[in-house]
Each structure stands twice: as C-alpha cells, then as structure tokens.
Amino acid sequence: MMERINWKNGTTEKKVAKFYGHGVEKFGDFHKGYLNFGLWEEGNQDYIQAAENLIHRLGELLELDQAKKLLDVACGMGAQDIYLMENFPVQDITCLDLLYEHLEYGKKRAEKSGLLDKIKFTHGTATALPFDKESFDRVLCVEGLIHFNTRNKFFEQAYDCLKEDGVLVVSDYCLNGTLSKKWQQLTVGATCKMWNIPQENVSTIEHYKKTLSDIGYKSIEIYPVGKKVIPGYFKEQNSKECLKEIEKIRGFVAGRLGHVIDHAVYRSFKFGLIDYILVKARK
C-alpha cells in the first residue's frame, strides 16, 4: 500500500491534483493510459502511435542502454514506464506523481504487465523528491514541469538525485522569445492562469539553458519540436470521438475547460509565442 499525502489547501500540488483529478476514476484505458501530447511524424494520425513515439524518442535521449535505475517524475498513469521497460534495457523504474489516483492506475497496469517487481510507485511532489542523493542513473519528466512550483526547484532536486554523469531528459514548453506586445502577454498569461502554470516557469530557451547550467548541468541539448507535437495533438483532441469521450470522463465543465486550454496552447503556438522542446542535460 502506497503512503498517501494530503496536499494542503492553497498549494500548487492541491490545485494541480484537483485540476487533473476531474473524472480520473473514469479514465480506464482511454488512450491506453497515455497523457502526453505525442510526437506526430511521417503523416501519422494515430494518438497511441504518436504518444509512444514521443516516449521512445525520450528513451533514446536517456541512453537507457547504459542505465540501471530510472526516476520518472510526473509519471501519470504509468503507461510510459511500461513502454520503456518493454522496449529498453532499463532494470528498475521508480515512478512519482502528485495524483494518487494516477499511481493506482499505474500499479494496476504494471501488475497486469507482470512488471510490478520492476516498476515502483511513490506519491509525492517534484519539488521535494523523497529520495537519497545520487540514487538514480537517469531522471525523466514528460510535460509535467510547467506545473511545478517551481521548475527550477525540480531541476535542483533532480541534480541531487542523479549519480555522477547521470542524465536528465524532459519534454516541456517554453517561450519563443520575449513577449514585447500587450496582446502576447495577455495570450500567454491567460493560458498560464487556466492551466495552473506558475509565472516563474514562463521562460525562453536561452533562460532555460542558463538555469540548467547555473545548477551545474553540462552538455545541455534543447530541441524545439513544436511543429511535430502541438498541431497533431490539437487535431486529435478536437475530433468528435475524443471530445465525446473526454466529456464522458471529466464531465461537461471540466471537459470544456480542457478544450479551451487546448485552443489557447494551439493559438499561442500558431502565433509563434511558444514551442515544445525536448531537453537533455548531464550531471
């Protein structure tokens, strides 16, 4: 039985858990448990293929053929960890998420796949990782960073958890440049407010790289891939089938709010304000 943390009212953890908790008990096997935006390449129109393509690309960046212990922060429902375990020679994965219900789904999936002895689940927050220093060869985070209060604290925590020469890989969102015009500031600001994104996490690629470097990371690589991510995800999420299923799972109000956020992210991308990035850095 996992130890469960009761997040205090007013904390970022409480707000984010409430936001993503709407209808989580009805999620079942929708989208095979994946929650990421996907990497849509070579004309692919299938969400599962795109989601697993993204995880595979991140697995390659992690150099899992040389790793024994992986920490996956904001693991969601564990689908990505089962994929990594089945497709890469990683020996042990520790999964952490602030939503307890996500972890329960993850445990069930791992058990069904016969991997519960290799994939462990922990309830916690990315800004106070409950692990010893130098516990992991690799640290992964898929998209969850924008909600952390703050992203910088997570980078510091991950650095402490990594062994020497360990690798951090994340997929995340960033600004394409300075928001010099009022309408740009309002567009991004509204998206952040709806999506529970701390203002401190709004940064450019240059600032992103400097932050990692200041903490001590080296060999920092950042790949903007928004063109292969955001339009494909937006199109899939706006399909009649997906909209109907999301409303069934999350309810009308929460489902529509998610739809509005998808539009805000897509428009911000089309206006050239934001991008989606893959990041690799070494301790």
C-alpha atoms as a PDB file:
ATOM      1  CA  MET A   1       0.000   0.000   0.000  1.00  0.00           C
ATOM      2  CA  MET A   2       1.432   3.386  -1.028  1.00  0.00           C
ATOM      3  CA  GLU A   3       1.641   6.113   1.554  1.00  0.00           C
ATOM      4  CA  ARG A   4      -0.748   8.886   0.551  1.00  0.00           C
ATOM      5  CA  ILE A   5      -0.036  12.581   1.099  1.00  0.00           C
ATOM      6  CA  ASN A   6      -2.890  15.011   1.734  1.00  0.00           C
ATOM      7  CA  TRP A   7      -1.915  18.197  -0.078  1.00  0.00           C
ATOM      8  CA  LYS A   8      -2.624  21.391   1.852  1.00  0.00           C
ATOM      9  CA  ASN A   9      -5.219  23.836   0.584  1.00  0.00           C
ATOM     10  CA  GLY A  10      -3.773  26.655  -1.480  1.00  0.00           C
ATOM     11  CA  THR A  11      -0.667  24.752  -2.547  1.00  0.00           C
ATOM     12  CA  THR A  12       0.244  24.195  -6.178  1.00  0.00           C
ATOM     13  CA  GLU A  13       0.049  20.440  -5.569  1.00  0.00           C
ATOM     14  CA  LYS A  14      -3.540  20.727  -4.334  1.00  0.00           C
ATOM     15  CA  LYS A  15      -4.596  22.904  -7.281  1.00  0.00           C
ATOM     16  CA  VAL A  16      -2.954  20.678  -9.914  1.00  0.00           C
ATOM     17  CA  ALA A  17      -4.277  17.474  -8.320  1.00  0.00           C
ATOM     18  CA  LYS A  18      -7.790  18.952  -8.342  1.00  0.00           C
ATOM     19  CA  PHE A  19      -7.440  20.081 -11.962  1.00  0.00           C
ATOM     20  CA  TYR A  20      -6.330  16.681 -13.262  1.00  0.00           C
ATOM     21  CA  GLY A  21      -8.473  14.753 -10.803  1.00  0.00           C
ATOM     22  CA  HIS A  22     -11.776  15.548 -12.504  1.00  0.00           C
ATOM     23  CA  GLY A  23     -13.192  12.201 -13.655  1.00  0.00           C
ATOM     24  CA  VAL A  24      -9.892  10.364 -13.204  1.00  0.00           C
ATOM     25  CA  GLU A  25     -11.739   7.350 -11.806  1.00  0.00           C
ATOM     26  CA  LYS A  26     -13.498   7.004 -15.191  1.00  0.00           C
ATOM     27  CA  PHE A  27     -10.360   7.248 -17.317  1.00  0.00           C
ATOM     28  CA  GLY A  28      -9.952   3.490 -17.623  1.00  0.00           C
ATOM     29  CA  ASP A  29      -7.897   2.532 -20.676  1.00  0.00           C
ATOM     30  CA  PHE A  30      -8.738   5.607 -22.766  1.00  0.00           C
ATOM     31  CA  HIS A  31      -5.711   6.454 -24.936  1.00  0.00           C
ATOM     32  CA  LYS A  32      -4.080   3.379 -23.393  1.00  0.00           C
ATOM     33  CA  GLY A  33      -3.375   5.497 -20.319  1.00  0.00           C
ATOM     34  CA  TYR A  34      -1.095   7.972 -22.105  1.00  0.00           C
ATOM     35  CA  LEU A  35      -1.441  11.658 -21.251  1.00  0.00           C
ATOM     36  CA  ASN A  36       1.322  13.287 -23.345  1.00  0.00           C
ATOM     37  CA  PHE A  37       0.966  15.432 -26.489  1.00  0.00           C
ATOM     38  CA  GLY A  38       2.659  12.877 -28.716  1.00  0.00           C
ATOM     39  CA  LEU A  39       5.294  13.199 -31.425  1.00  0.00           C
ATOM     40  CA  TRP A  40       3.414  13.200 -34.736  1.00  0.00           C
ATOM     41  CA  GLU A  41       5.764  12.203 -37.551  1.00  0.00           C
ATOM     42  CA  GLU A  42       5.608  10.760 -41.067  1.00  0.00           C
ATOM     43  CA  GLY A  43       1.929  11.504 -41.573  1.00  0.00           C
ATOM     44  CA  ASN A  44       0.801   9.535 -38.540  1.00  0.00           C
ATOM     45  CA  GLN A  45      -2.788  10.219 -37.449  1.00  0.00           C
ATOM     46  CA  ASP A  46      -2.999   7.782 -34.530  1.00  0.00           C
ATOM     47  CA  TYR A  47      -2.655   9.130 -30.983  1.00  0.00           C
ATOM     48  CA  ILE A  48      -1.258   5.953 -29.389  1.00  0.00           C
ATOM     49  CA  GLN A  49       1.448   5.749 -32.038  1.00  0.00           C
ATOM     50  CA  ALA A  50       2.331   9.422 -31.531  1.00  0.00           C
ATOM     51  CA  ALA A  51       2.380   9.084 -27.729  1.00  0.00           C
ATOM     52  CA  GLU A  52       4.653   6.040 -27.863  1.00  0.00           C
ATOM     53  CA  ASN A  53       6.826   7.707 -30.497  1.00  0.00           C
ATOM     54  CA  LEU A  54       7.463  10.580 -28.076  1.00  0.00           C
ATOM     55  CA  ILE A  55       8.314   8.208 -25.228  1.00  0.00           C
ATOM     56  CA  HIS A  56      10.637   6.214 -27.483  1.00  0.00           C
ATOM     57  CA  ARG A  57      12.476   9.392 -28.517  1.00  0.00           C
ATOM     58  CA  LEU A  58      12.877  10.377 -24.877  1.00  0.00           C
ATOM     59  CA  GLY A  59      14.087   6.872 -24.062  1.00  0.00           C
ATOM     60  CA  GLU A  60      16.774   7.205 -26.708  1.00  0.00           C
ATOM     61  CA  LEU A  61      17.887  10.556 -25.296  1.00  0.00           C
ATOM     62  CA  LEU A  62      18.097   8.993 -21.837  1.00  0.00           C
ATOM     63  CA  GLU A  63      20.680   6.456 -23.033  1.00  0.00           C
ATOM     64  CA  LEU A  64      18.822   3.719 -21.174  1.00  0.00           C
ATOM     65  CA  ASP A  65      21.109   1.030 -22.565  1.00  0.00           C
ATOM     66  CA  GLN A  66      23.696   2.330 -20.089  1.00  0.00           C
ATOM     67  CA  ALA A  67      21.335   2.865 -17.135  1.00  0.00           C
ATOM     68  CA  LYS A  68      20.093   0.666 -14.325  1.00  0.00           C
ATOM     69  CA  LYS A  69      17.852   2.950 -12.275  1.00  0.00           C
ATOM     70  CA  LEU A  70      15.405   5.477 -13.766  1.00  0.00           C
ATOM     71  CA  LEU A  71      13.259   8.004 -11.905  1.00  0.00           C
ATOM     72  CA  ASP A  72      10.130   9.140 -13.782  1.00  0.00           C
ATOM     73  CA  VAL A  73       8.674  12.317 -12.249  1.00  0.00           C
ATOM     74  CA  ALA A  74       5.034  13.195 -13.057  1.00  0.00           C
ATOM     75  CA  CYS A  75       4.626   9.690 -14.440  1.00  0.00           C
ATOM     76  CA  GLY A  76       0.874   9.954 -14.987  1.00  0.00           C
ATOM     77  CA  MET A  77      -0.805   6.564 -15.210  1.00  0.00           C
ATOM     78  CA  GLY A  78       2.399   4.638 -15.780  1.00  0.00           C
ATOM     79  CA  ALA A  79       1.809   3.740 -19.438  1.00  0.00           C
ATOM     80  CA  GLN A  80       5.097   5.348 -20.487  1.00  0.00           C
ATOM     81  CA  ASP A  81       7.038   3.368 -17.876  1.00  0.00           C
ATOM     82  CA  ILE A  82       5.662   0.058 -19.068  1.00  0.00           C
ATOM     83  CA  TYR A  83       6.620   1.064 -22.607  1.00  0.00           C
ATOM     84  CA  LEU A  84      10.158   1.973 -21.528  1.00  0.00           C
ATOM     85  CA  MET A  85      10.579  -1.241 -19.561  1.00  0.00           C
ATOM     86  CA  GLU A  86       9.388  -3.339 -22.501  1.00  0.00           C
ATOM     87  CA  ASN A  87      11.465  -1.528 -25.144  1.00  0.00           C
ATOM     88  CA  PHE A  88      14.701  -0.547 -23.380  1.00  0.00           C
ATOM     89  CA  PRO A  89      17.134  -2.471 -21.140  1.00  0.00           C
ATOM     90  CA  VAL A  90      16.444  -0.405 -18.010  1.00  0.00           C
ATOM     91  CA  GLN A  91      16.426  -2.578 -14.877  1.00  0.00           C
ATOM     92  CA  ASP A  92      14.382  -0.527 -12.423  1.00  0.00           C
ATOM     93  CA  ILE A  93      11.928   2.391 -12.674  1.00  0.00           C
ATOM     94  CA  THR A  94      10.661   4.498  -9.774  1.00  0.00           C
ATOM     95  CA  CYS A  95       7.531   6.486 -10.665  1.00  0.00           C
ATOM     96  CA  LEU A  96       6.411   9.595  -8.796  1.00  0.00           C
ATOM     97  CA  ASP A  97       3.225  11.600  -9.259  1.00  0.00           C
ATOM     98  CA  LEU A  98       1.255  14.033  -7.098  1.00  0.00           C
ATOM     99  CA  LEU A  99      -2.090  12.497  -8.131  1.00  0.00           C
ATOM    100  CA  TYR A 100      -2.641   9.353  -6.068  1.00  0.00           C
ATOM    101  CA  GLU A 101      -5.273   8.030  -8.474  1.00  0.00           C
ATOM    102  CA  HIS A 102      -2.768   8.127 -11.336  1.00  0.00           C
ATOM    103  CA  LEU A 103      -0.442   5.906  -9.341  1.00  0.00           C
ATOM    104  CA  GLU A 104      -3.217   3.431  -8.577  1.00  0.00           C
ATOM    105  CA  TYR A 105      -3.848   3.057 -12.302  1.00  0.00           C
ATOM    106  CA  GLY A 106      -0.113   2.710 -12.850  1.00  0.00           C
ATOM    107  CA  LYS A 107       0.180  -0.094 -10.323  1.00  0.00           C
ATOM    108  CA  LYS A 108      -2.677  -1.980 -11.947  1.00  0.00           C
ATOM    109  CA  ARG A 109      -1.086  -1.639 -15.385  1.00  0.00           C
ATOM    110  CA  ALA A 110       2.306  -2.730 -14.111  1.00  0.00           C
ATOM    111  CA  GLU A 111       0.784  -5.722 -12.361  1.00  0.00           C
ATOM    112  CA  LYS A 112      -1.166  -6.711 -15.470  1.00  0.00           C
ATOM    113  CA  SER A 113       2.061  -6.498 -17.499  1.00  0.00           C
ATOM    114  CA  GLY A 114       3.981  -8.597 -14.958  1.00  0.00           C
ATOM    115  CA  LEU A 115       6.283  -5.671 -14.150  1.00  0.00           C
ATOM    116  CA  LEU A 116       5.280  -4.729 -10.613  1.00  0.00           C
ATOM    117  CA  ASP A 117       8.587  -6.046  -9.285  1.00  0.00           C
ATOM    118  CA  LYS A 118      10.498  -3.673 -11.586  1.00  0.00           C
ATOM    119  CA  ILE A 119       8.275  -0.573 -11.547  1.00  0.00           C
ATOM    120  CA  LYS A 120       7.659   1.099  -8.178  1.00  0.00           C
ATOM    121  CA  PHE A 121       5.205   3.908  -7.434  1.00  0.00           C
ATOM    122  CA  THR A 122       5.574   6.800  -4.970  1.00  0.00           C
ATOM    123  CA  HIS A 123       3.134   9.576  -4.090  1.00  0.00           C
ATOM    124  CA  GLY A 124       4.970  12.889  -3.842  1.00  0.00           C
ATOM    125  CA  THR A 125       5.917  16.227  -5.333  1.00  0.00           C
ATOM    126  CA  ALA A 126       8.656  17.041  -7.827  1.00  0.00           C
ATOM    127  CA  THR A 127       9.921  19.955  -5.744  1.00  0.00           C
ATOM    128  CA  ALA A 128      10.687  17.808  -2.687  1.00  0.00           C
ATOM    129  CA  LEU A 129      11.780  14.442  -4.057  1.00  0.00           C
ATOM    130  CA  PRO A 130      11.782  11.826  -1.248  1.00  0.00           C
ATOM    131  CA  PHE A 131      14.932  10.020  -2.402  1.00  0.00           C
ATOM    132  CA  ASP A 132      18.557   9.855  -1.297  1.00  0.00           C
ATOM    133  CA  LYS A 133      21.249  11.765  -3.150  1.00  0.00           C
ATOM    134  CA  GLU A 134      22.771  10.036  -6.159  1.00  0.00           C
ATOM    135  CA  SER A 135      20.048   7.353  -6.194  1.00  0.00           C
ATOM    136  CA  PHE A 136      19.399   7.257  -9.948  1.00  0.00           C
ATOM    137  CA  ASP A 137      21.281   6.927 -13.224  1.00  0.00           C
ATOM    138  CA  ARG A 138      18.566   8.763 -15.144  1.00  0.00           C
ATOM    139  CA  VAL A 139      15.703  11.190 -14.436  1.00  0.00           C
ATOM    140  CA  LEU A 140      12.754  11.691 -16.808  1.00  0.00           C
ATOM    141  CA  CYS A 141       9.865  14.151 -16.781  1.00  0.00           C
ATOM    142  CA  VAL A 142       7.270  14.296 -19.554  1.00  0.00           C
ATOM    143  CA  GLU A 143       5.462  17.658 -19.727  1.00  0.00           C
ATOM    144  CA  GLY A 144       4.738  17.976 -16.008  1.00  0.00           C
ATOM    145  CA  LEU A 145       7.375  20.657 -15.402  1.00  0.00           C
ATOM    146  CA  ILE A 146       5.175  23.626 -16.285  1.00  0.00           C
ATOM    147  CA  HIS A 147       3.078  22.942 -13.158  1.00  0.00           C
ATOM    148  CA  PHE A 148       5.952  22.576 -10.697  1.00  0.00           C
ATOM    149  CA  ASN A 149       6.349  25.380  -8.198  1.00  0.00           C
ATOM    150  CA  THR A 150       8.917  25.887  -9.464  1.00  0.00           C
ATOM    151  CA  ARG A 151      10.560  24.124 -12.402  1.00  0.00           C
ATOM    152  CA  ASN A 152      13.944  25.366 -11.111  1.00  0.00           C
ATOM    153  CA  LYS A 153      13.419  23.604  -7.771  1.00  0.00           C
ATOM    154  CA  PHE A 154      12.781  20.365  -9.616  1.00  0.00           C
ATOM    155  CA  PHE A 155      15.988  20.776 -11.622  1.00  0.00           C
ATOM    156  CA  GLU A 156      17.900  21.204  -8.355  1.00  0.00           C
ATOM    157  CA  GLN A 157      16.198  18.179  -6.795  1.00  0.00           C
ATOM    158  CA  ALA A 158      16.850  16.050  -9.878  1.00  0.00           C
ATOM    159  CA  TYR A 159      20.504  17.102  -9.894  1.00  0.00           C
ATOM    160  CA  ASP A 160      20.899  15.890  -6.306  1.00  0.00           C
ATOM    161  CA  CYS A 161      19.180  12.579  -7.098  1.00  0.00           C
ATOM    162  CA  LEU A 162      21.364  11.859 -10.122  1.00  0.00           C
ATOM    163  CA  LYS A 163      24.607   9.931  -9.894  1.00  0.00           C
ATOM    164  CA  GLU A 164      27.743  11.482 -11.372  1.00  0.00           C
ATOM    165  CA  ASP A 165      27.458  11.561 -15.186  1.00  0.00           C
ATOM    166  CA  GLY A 166      23.748  10.831 -14.862  1.00  0.00           C
ATOM    167  CA  VAL A 167      21.295  12.151 -17.457  1.00  0.00           C
ATOM    168  CA  LEU A 168      18.171  14.305 -17.125  1.00  0.00           C
ATOM    169  CA  VAL A 169      15.678  14.273 -20.014  1.00  0.00           C
ATOM    170  CA  VAL A 170      12.433  16.246 -20.138  1.00  0.00           C
ATOM    171  CA  SER A 171       9.803  17.365 -22.611  1.00  0.00           C
ATOM    172  CA  ASP A 172       8.418  20.788 -21.859  1.00  0.00           C
ATOM    173  CA  TYR A 173       7.028  24.080 -23.146  1.00  0.00           C
ATOM    174  CA  CYS A 174       8.866  27.389 -23.498  1.00  0.00           C
ATOM    175  CA  LEU A 175       8.579  30.851 -24.992  1.00  0.00           C
ATOM    176  CA  ASN A 176       9.894  31.533 -28.483  1.00  0.00           C
ATOM    177  CA  GLY A 177      11.148  34.934 -27.397  1.00  0.00           C
ATOM    178  CA  THR A 178      10.351  37.972 -25.290  1.00  0.00           C
ATOM    179  CA  LEU A 179       6.672  38.892 -25.079  1.00  0.00           C
ATOM    180  CA  SER A 180       7.082  42.507 -26.123  1.00  0.00           C
ATOM    181  CA  LYS A 181       3.468  43.275 -27.041  1.00  0.00           C
ATOM    182  CA  LYS A 182       0.495  43.518 -24.711  1.00  0.00           C
ATOM    183  CA  TRP A 183      -1.628  41.013 -26.646  1.00  0.00           C
ATOM    184  CA  GLN A 184       1.203  38.479 -26.464  1.00  0.00           C
ATOM    185  CA  GLN A 185       1.464  38.889 -22.697  1.00  0.00           C
ATOM    186  CA  LEU A 186      -2.315  38.586 -22.318  1.00  0.00           C
ATOM    187  CA  THR A 187      -2.487  35.457 -24.502  1.00  0.00           C
ATOM    188  CA  VAL A 188       0.256  33.592 -22.647  1.00  0.00           C
ATOM    189  CA  GLY A 189      -0.900  34.932 -19.277  1.00  0.00           C
ATOM    190  CA  ALA A 190      -4.455  33.671 -19.787  1.00  0.00           C
ATOM    191  CA  THR A 191      -3.168  30.234 -20.809  1.00  0.00           C
ATOM    192  CA  CYS A 192      -0.981  30.063 -17.701  1.00  0.00           C
ATOM    193  CA  LYS A 193      -3.837  31.050 -15.405  1.00  0.00           C
ATOM    194  CA  MET A 194      -6.244  28.458 -16.850  1.00  0.00           C
ATOM    195  CA  TRP A 195      -3.600  25.722 -16.854  1.00  0.00           C
ATOM    196  CA  ASN A 196      -2.191  26.325 -13.345  1.00  0.00           C
ATOM    197  CA  ILE A 197       1.269  27.386 -14.552  1.00  0.00           C
ATOM    198  CA  PRO A 198       3.383  29.456 -12.104  1.00  0.00           C
ATOM    199  CA  GLN A 199       4.634  32.665 -13.703  1.00  0.00           C
ATOM    200  CA  GLU A 200       8.218  31.722 -12.800  1.00  0.00           C
ATOM    201  CA  ASN A 201       8.009  28.820 -15.254  1.00  0.00           C
ATOM    202  CA  VAL A 202       7.455  31.090 -18.259  1.00  0.00           C
ATOM    203  CA  SER A 203      10.881  31.300 -19.890  1.00  0.00           C
ATOM    204  CA  THR A 204      12.754  31.299 -23.194  1.00  0.00           C
ATOM    205  CA  ILE A 205      15.088  28.561 -24.416  1.00  0.00           C
ATOM    206  CA  GLU A 206      18.074  30.777 -23.575  1.00  0.00           C
ATOM    207  CA  HIS A 207      16.887  31.244 -19.988  1.00  0.00           C
ATOM    208  CA  TYR A 208      16.056  27.538 -19.771  1.00  0.00           C
ATOM    209  CA  LYS A 209      19.604  26.581 -20.766  1.00  0.00           C
ATOM    210  CA  LYS A 210      21.145  29.134 -18.385  1.00  0.00           C
ATOM    211  CA  THR A 211      19.081  27.811 -15.481  1.00  0.00           C
ATOM    212  CA  LEU A 212      20.328  24.265 -16.052  1.00  0.00           C
ATOM    213  CA  SER A 213      23.903  25.472 -16.466  1.00  0.00           C
ATOM    214  CA  ASP A 214      23.805  27.554 -13.262  1.00  0.00           C
ATOM    215  CA  ILE A 215      22.685  24.498 -11.280  1.00  0.00           C
ATOM    216  CA  GLY A 216      25.645  22.532 -12.624  1.00  0.00           C
ATOM    217  CA  TYR A 217      24.299  20.548 -15.574  1.00  0.00           C
ATOM    218  CA  LYS A 218      26.570  20.172 -18.584  1.00  0.00           C
ATOM    219  CA  SER A 219      26.264  19.051 -22.218  1.00  0.00           C
ATOM    220  CA  ILE A 220      22.836  20.706 -22.404  1.00  0.00           C
ATOM    221  CA  GLU A 221      20.870  19.972 -25.586  1.00  0.00           C
ATOM    222  CA  ILE A 222      17.490  21.549 -26.413  1.00  0.00           C
ATOM    223  CA  TYR A 223      15.440  20.521 -29.455  1.00  0.00           C
ATOM    224  CA  PRO A 224      12.376  22.614 -30.473  1.00  0.00           C
ATOM    225  CA  VAL A 225       9.843  20.155 -31.951  1.00  0.00           C
ATOM    226  CA  GLY A 226       6.553  22.035 -31.606  1.00  0.00           C
ATOM    227  CA  LYS A 227       5.653  21.548 -35.292  1.00  0.00           C
ATOM    228  CA  LYS A 228       5.690  17.781 -34.748  1.00  0.00           C
ATOM    229  CA  VAL A 229       3.761  17.927 -31.472  1.00  0.00           C
ATOM    230  CA  ILE A 230       1.186  20.665 -30.921  1.00  0.00           C
ATOM    231  CA  PRO A 231      -0.786  20.647 -34.242  1.00  0.00           C
ATOM    232  CA  GLY A 232      -1.173  16.854 -34.238  1.00  0.00           C
ATOM    233  CA  TYR A 233      -2.317  16.787 -30.622  1.00  0.00           C
ATOM    234  CA  PHE A 234      -4.726  19.673 -31.177  1.00  0.00           C
ATOM    235  CA  LYS A 235      -6.290  17.975 -34.193  1.00  0.00           C
ATOM    236  CA  GLU A 236      -6.748  14.692 -32.329  1.00  0.00           C
ATOM    237  CA  GLN A 237      -8.183  16.355 -29.218  1.00  0.00           C
ATOM    238  CA  ASN A 238     -10.698  18.220 -31.393  1.00  0.00           C
ATOM    239  CA  SER A 239     -12.018  15.133 -33.105  1.00  0.00           C
ATOM    240  CA  LYS A 240     -15.674  14.388 -32.336  1.00  0.00           C
ATOM    241  CA  GLU A 241     -14.775  11.000 -30.885  1.00  0.00           C
ATOM    242  CA  CYS A 242     -12.197  12.439 -28.493  1.00  0.00           C
ATOM    243  CA  LEU A 243     -14.370  15.369 -27.393  1.00  0.00           C
ATOM    244  CA  LYS A 244     -17.231  12.997 -26.639  1.00  0.00           C
ATOM    245  CA  GLU A 245     -15.024  10.638 -24.637  1.00  0.00           C
ATOM    246  CA  ILE A 246     -13.357  13.436 -22.652  1.00  0.00           C
ATOM    247  CA  GLU A 247     -16.729  14.909 -21.727  1.00  0.00           C
ATOM    248  CA  LYS A 248     -17.880  11.475 -20.616  1.00  0.00           C
ATOM    249  CA  ILE A 249     -14.772  11.062 -18.439  1.00  0.00           C
ATOM    250  CA  ARG A 250     -14.281  14.538 -16.988  1.00  0.00           C
ATOM    251  CA  GLY A 251     -17.797  15.955 -17.154  1.00  0.00           C
ATOM    252  CA  PHE A 252     -19.105  18.847 -19.255  1.00  0.00           C
ATOM    253  CA  VAL A 253     -17.477  21.758 -17.377  1.00  0.00           C
ATOM    254  CA  ALA A 254     -14.006  20.248 -16.873  1.00  0.00           C
ATOM    255  CA  GLY A 255     -14.093  18.767 -20.360  1.00  0.00           C
ATOM    256  CA  ARG A 256     -14.870  22.131 -21.940  1.00  0.00           C
ATOM    257  CA  LEU A 257     -12.189  23.873 -19.868  1.00  0.00           C
ATOM    258  CA  GLY A 258      -9.640  21.381 -21.192  1.00  0.00           C
ATOM    259  CA  HIS A 259     -10.884  22.133 -24.703  1.00  0.00           C
ATOM    260  CA  VAL A 260     -10.416  25.881 -24.166  1.00  0.00           C
ATOM    261  CA  ILE A 261      -6.859  25.290 -22.888  1.00  0.00           C
ATOM    262  CA  ASP A 262      -6.056  23.171 -25.940  1.00  0.00           C
ATOM    263  CA  HIS A 263      -7.182  26.063 -28.143  1.00  0.00           C
ATOM    264  CA  ALA A 264      -5.114  28.558 -26.127  1.00  0.00           C
ATOM    265  CA  VAL A 265      -1.974  26.426 -26.422  1.00  0.00           C
ATOM    266  CA  TYR A 266      -2.524  25.875 -30.134  1.00  0.00           C
ATOM    267  CA  ARG A 267      -3.139  29.570 -30.843  1.00  0.00           C
ATOM    268  CA  SER A 268      -0.093  30.574 -28.805  1.00  0.00           C
ATOM    269  CA  PHE A 269       1.965  28.158 -30.889  1.00  0.00           C
ATOM    270  CA  LYS A 270       0.498  29.355 -34.201  1.00  0.00           C
ATOM    271  CA  PHE A 271       1.193  32.974 -33.218  1.00  0.00           C
ATOM    272  CA  GLY A 272       4.832  31.961 -32.703  1.00  0.00           C
ATOM    273  CA  LEU A 273       4.756  32.666 -28.960  1.00  0.00           C
ATOM    274  CA  ILE A 274       5.546  29.187 -27.569  1.00  0.00           C
ATOM    275  CA  ASP A 275       7.228  25.959 -28.565  1.00  0.00           C
ATOM    276  CA  TYR A 276       7.525  22.387 -27.339  1.00  0.00           C
ATOM    277  CA  ILE A 277      11.038  21.233 -26.509  1.00  0.00           C
ATOM    278  CA  LEU A 278      12.971  18.059 -25.784  1.00  0.00           C
ATOM    279  CA  VAL A 279      15.793  18.655 -23.316  1.00  0.00           C
ATOM    280  CA  LYS A 280      18.812  16.570 -22.362  1.00  0.00           C
ATOM    281  CA  ALA A 281      21.413  17.504 -19.745  1.00  0.00           C
ATOM    282  CA  ARG A 282      24.141  15.638 -17.888  1.00  0.00           C
ATOM    283  CA  LYS A 283      25.348  15.918 -14.304  1.00  0.00           C
END
